[in-house]
């Protein structure tokens, strides 16, 4: 189900300041102790807000983690959109960006593990918030890809696949299935899909999703 319609959103500067303070406090706790370090009553006390106020904006611990994830991608977007992406090709730019993101995840493993669990859990109670995080992540990657010129329609489609490969590499590294070096190889290999010829991408799409291909041709 979707998130509750009665959920409050910050409107005034004071409300936004309290909301951001909760997110910042939760981020610090997650970085230091992982998901178990965030308990709602303790979080309210550490952020200097009442428990009622906390639940008004953050109805559950899961929602707190998703809000932290969204805030981090919003901060990343502000930084990335102000930079000139590094690399001469779409593949080089996307690879460089994802490697930088993976290095950040390695430095903040407890935080990464908690946020990944919140985003990939079996329930999607807060589907709108999850989709907002996923959409922003893809928008950042699209900006990076287009940093040196146009990105083809086929490459736009492949970007979503590359992002899935990146997320899979991260999850396997967190689970201990992959070493950091193996995860890096997994991500870099996925980025090579961006150099597939357009006709190959179209052919694969035609086999995987023939209705989409027929609709585009018509």
Protein backbone atom coordinates (compact mmCIF):
# COMPACT_ATOMS: atom_id res chain seq x y z
CA UNK A 1 0.00 0.00 0.00
CA UNK A 2 1.06 3.62 -0.38
CA UNK A 3 2.21 5.83 2.45
CA UNK A 4 -0.50 7.25 4.71
CA UNK A 5 -2.30 10.29 3.27
CA UNK A 6 -2.31 11.94 6.71
CA UNK A 7 1.47 12.06 6.83
CA UNK A 8 2.68 15.61 7.51
CA UNK A 9 5.26 17.36 5.36
CA UNK A 10 7.37 20.31 6.53
CA UNK A 11 6.10 23.65 5.23
CA UNK A 12 7.49 26.43 7.41
CA UNK A 13 11.23 27.08 7.92
CA UNK A 14 10.92 25.89 11.52
CA UNK A 15 9.27 22.66 10.46
CA UNK A 16 11.91 22.09 7.78
CA UNK A 17 14.65 22.71 10.32
CA UNK A 18 13.20 20.10 12.68
CA UNK A 19 12.72 17.63 9.84
CA UNK A 20 16.30 18.08 8.63
CA UNK A 21 17.59 17.78 12.19
CA UNK A 22 15.92 14.39 12.55
CA UNK A 23 17.39 13.23 9.23
CA UNK A 24 20.86 14.45 10.19
CA UNK A 25 20.66 12.81 13.61
CA UNK A 26 19.49 9.53 12.09
CA UNK A 27 22.30 9.65 9.55
CA UNK A 28 24.87 10.03 12.31
CA UNK A 29 23.37 7.12 14.25
CA UNK A 30 23.28 4.87 11.19
CA UNK A 31 26.87 5.71 10.31
CA UNK A 32 28.03 4.86 13.83
CA UNK A 33 25.96 1.79 14.60
CA UNK A 34 23.90 0.71 11.62
CA UNK A 35 20.17 0.10 11.53
CA UNK A 36 19.95 -1.10 15.14
CA UNK A 37 21.28 2.26 16.33
CA UNK A 38 18.08 4.03 15.27
CA UNK A 39 15.23 3.70 17.76
CA UNK A 40 12.36 6.14 17.52
CA UNK A 41 12.24 7.29 21.15
CA UNK A 42 16.01 7.76 21.31
CA UNK A 43 16.03 9.50 17.93
CA UNK A 44 13.43 12.02 19.11
CA UNK A 45 15.48 12.81 22.21
CA UNK A 46 18.75 13.17 20.32
CA UNK A 47 17.16 15.37 17.65
CA UNK A 48 15.49 17.56 20.25
CA UNK A 49 11.89 16.97 19.12
CA UNK A 50 8.91 15.43 20.84
CA UNK A 51 8.00 11.84 20.05
CA UNK A 52 4.65 13.07 18.74
CA UNK A 53 6.40 15.45 16.36
CA UNK A 54 8.72 12.70 15.19
CA UNK A 55 5.85 10.35 14.38
CA UNK A 56 3.95 13.15 12.68
CA UNK A 57 6.65 13.37 9.99
CA UNK A 58 8.23 9.92 10.25
CA UNK A 59 5.59 7.25 10.95
CA UNK A 60 8.10 4.42 11.31
CA UNK A 61 11.77 3.57 11.49
CA UNK A 62 11.62 2.32 7.90
CA UNK A 63 10.35 5.72 6.80
CA UNK A 64 13.22 7.41 8.63
CA UNK A 65 15.74 5.31 6.70
CA UNK A 66 14.06 6.08 3.38
CA UNK A 67 14.03 9.79 4.21
CA UNK A 68 17.76 9.61 4.96
CA UNK A 69 18.34 7.88 1.63
CA UNK A 70 16.37 10.52 -0.28
CA UNK A 71 18.19 13.35 1.50
CA UNK A 72 21.55 11.85 0.59
CA UNK A 73 20.64 11.55 -3.08
CA UNK A 74 19.31 15.10 -3.05
CA UNK A 75 22.64 16.29 -1.66
CA UNK A 76 24.49 14.17 -4.23
CA UNK A 77 22.37 15.65 -7.02
CA UNK A 78 23.21 19.21 -5.97
CA UNK A 79 26.89 18.35 -6.04
CA UNK A 80 26.88 16.36 -9.28
CA UNK A 81 24.73 18.87 -11.17
CA UNK A 82 27.26 21.59 -10.32
CA UNK A 83 30.22 19.57 -11.65
CA UNK A 84 31.55 18.73 -15.09
CA UNK A 85 31.45 14.92 -15.39
CA UNK A 86 34.83 13.29 -15.98
CA UNK A 87 35.34 11.13 -19.06
CA UNK A 88 35.30 11.34 -22.84
CA UNK A 89 32.50 8.83 -23.46
CA UNK A 90 29.19 7.93 -21.86
CA UNK A 91 30.69 4.70 -20.52
CA UNK A 92 33.71 6.48 -19.04
CA UNK A 93 31.60 9.14 -17.35
CA UNK A 94 29.10 6.67 -15.89
CA UNK A 95 31.85 4.29 -14.76
CA UNK A 96 33.75 7.13 -13.05
CA UNK A 97 30.64 8.30 -11.24
CA UNK A 98 29.57 4.83 -10.07
CA UNK A 99 33.07 4.01 -8.88
CA UNK A 100 33.05 7.19 -6.82
CA UNK A 101 29.65 6.25 -5.39
CA UNK A 102 30.89 2.76 -4.56
CA UNK A 103 33.95 4.18 -2.78
CA UNK A 104 31.61 6.28 -0.66
CA UNK A 105 29.59 3.17 0.16
CA UNK A 106 32.75 1.39 1.25
CA UNK A 107 33.65 4.22 3.61
CA UNK A 108 30.13 4.19 5.08
CA UNK A 109 29.35 0.48 5.09
CA UNK A 110 26.96 0.47 8.07
CA UNK A 111 24.97 3.37 6.65
CA UNK A 112 24.93 1.80 3.18
CA UNK A 113 23.73 -1.54 4.55
CA UNK A 114 20.85 0.07 6.46
CA UNK A 115 19.69 2.21 3.54
CA UNK A 116 20.00 -0.63 1.04
CA UNK A 117 17.86 -2.85 3.25
CA UNK A 118 15.21 -0.15 3.50
CA UNK A 119 15.11 0.33 -0.27
CA UNK A 120 15.13 -3.34 -1.23
CA UNK A 121 12.98 -4.87 1.51
CA UNK A 122 10.12 -7.13 0.53
CA UNK A 123 7.44 -4.60 1.50
CA UNK A 124 6.85 -1.33 -0.33
CA UNK A 125 4.65 0.35 2.25
CA UNK A 126 6.13 3.70 1.34
CA UNK A 127 6.28 3.11 -2.39
CA UNK A 128 6.14 6.79 -3.34
CA UNK A 129 9.23 7.56 -1.28
CA UNK A 130 11.09 4.52 -2.62
CA UNK A 131 10.24 5.52 -6.19
CA UNK A 132 11.42 9.07 -5.51
CA UNK A 133 14.81 7.75 -4.40
CA UNK A 134 15.10 5.42 -7.39
CA UNK A 135 14.05 8.16 -9.83
CA UNK A 136 16.55 10.66 -8.44
CA UNK A 137 19.36 8.10 -8.59
CA UNK A 138 18.62 7.50 -12.26
CA UNK A 139 18.35 11.24 -12.96
CA UNK A 140 21.83 11.75 -11.51
CA UNK A 141 23.19 9.01 -13.74
CA UNK A 142 21.49 10.51 -16.80
CA UNK A 143 23.05 13.89 -16.04
CA UNK A 144 26.49 12.30 -15.74
CA UNK A 145 26.01 10.35 -18.97
CA UNK A 146 25.04 13.47 -20.91
CA UNK A 147 27.89 15.56 -19.51
CA UNK A 148 29.90 15.56 -22.71
CA UNK A 149 27.19 15.39 -25.35
CA UNK A 150 23.95 13.69 -26.36
CA UNK A 151 22.95 10.27 -25.09
CA UNK A 152 21.13 8.01 -27.55
CA UNK A 153 17.68 6.61 -26.86
CA UNK A 154 19.21 3.16 -26.61
CA UNK A 155 21.83 4.32 -24.10
CA UNK A 156 19.05 5.89 -22.01
CA UNK A 157 17.42 2.46 -21.79
CA UNK A 158 20.72 0.77 -20.93
CA UNK A 159 21.37 3.27 -18.11
CA UNK A 160 18.54 1.72 -16.09
CA UNK A 161 20.11 -1.72 -16.60
CA UNK A 162 23.51 -0.41 -15.53
CA UNK A 163 21.98 1.04 -12.38
CA UNK A 164 20.40 -2.33 -11.57
CA UNK A 165 23.80 -3.99 -12.05
CA UNK A 166 25.39 -1.41 -9.75
CA UNK A 167 22.77 -2.04 -7.06
CA UNK A 168 23.26 -5.80 -7.41
CA UNK A 169 27.01 -5.46 -7.00
CA UNK A 170 26.50 -3.35 -3.89
CA UNK A 171 24.10 -5.88 -2.35
CA UNK A 172 26.46 -8.79 -3.02
CA UNK A 173 29.35 -6.87 -1.48
CA UNK A 174 27.27 -6.06 1.60
CA UNK A 175 26.24 -9.72 1.90
CA UNK A 176 29.86 -10.85 1.67
CA UNK A 177 29.23 -12.74 -1.57
CA UNK A 178 31.57 -10.37 -3.42
CA UNK A 179 34.77 -8.77 -2.28
CA UNK A 180 35.09 -5.06 -2.99
CA UNK A 181 37.30 -5.90 -5.98
CA UNK A 182 34.70 -8.32 -7.34
CA UNK A 183 31.93 -5.78 -6.90
CA UNK A 184 34.03 -3.19 -8.72
CA UNK A 185 34.57 -5.62 -11.61
CA UNK A 186 30.82 -6.37 -11.66
CA UNK A 187 29.98 -2.66 -11.92
CA UNK A 188 32.65 -1.84 -14.50
CA UNK A 189 31.57 -4.77 -16.67
CA UNK A 190 27.96 -3.60 -16.50
CA UNK A 191 29.00 -0.14 -17.67
CA UNK A 192 30.44 -1.68 -20.83
CA UNK A 193 26.85 -2.31 -21.96
CA UNK A 194 26.71 1.41 -22.74
CA UNK A 195 28.99 0.77 -25.72
CA UNK A 196 26.70 -1.79 -27.35
CA UNK A 197 25.67 -0.73 -30.88
CA UNK A 198 22.18 0.76 -31.04
CA UNK A 199 20.93 -2.01 -33.35
CA UNK A 200 22.03 -4.65 -30.83
CA UNK A 201 20.12 -2.90 -28.03
CA UNK A 202 17.05 -2.63 -30.26
CA UNK A 203 17.28 -6.31 -31.17
CA UNK A 204 17.55 -7.37 -27.53
CA UNK A 205 14.66 -5.11 -26.58
CA UNK A 206 12.64 -6.64 -29.40
CA UNK A 207 13.24 -10.11 -28.00
CA UNK A 208 12.67 -9.16 -24.38
CA UNK A 209 9.73 -6.78 -24.89
CA UNK A 210 8.25 -7.31 -28.36
CA UNK A 211 5.13 -5.24 -27.63
CA UNK A 212 7.29 -2.22 -26.83
CA UNK A 213 9.38 -2.71 -29.96
CA UNK A 214 6.29 -3.07 -32.17
CA UNK A 215 4.74 0.04 -30.67
CA UNK A 216 7.90 2.05 -31.30
CA UNK A 217 8.12 0.82 -34.89
CA UNK A 218 4.51 1.80 -35.55
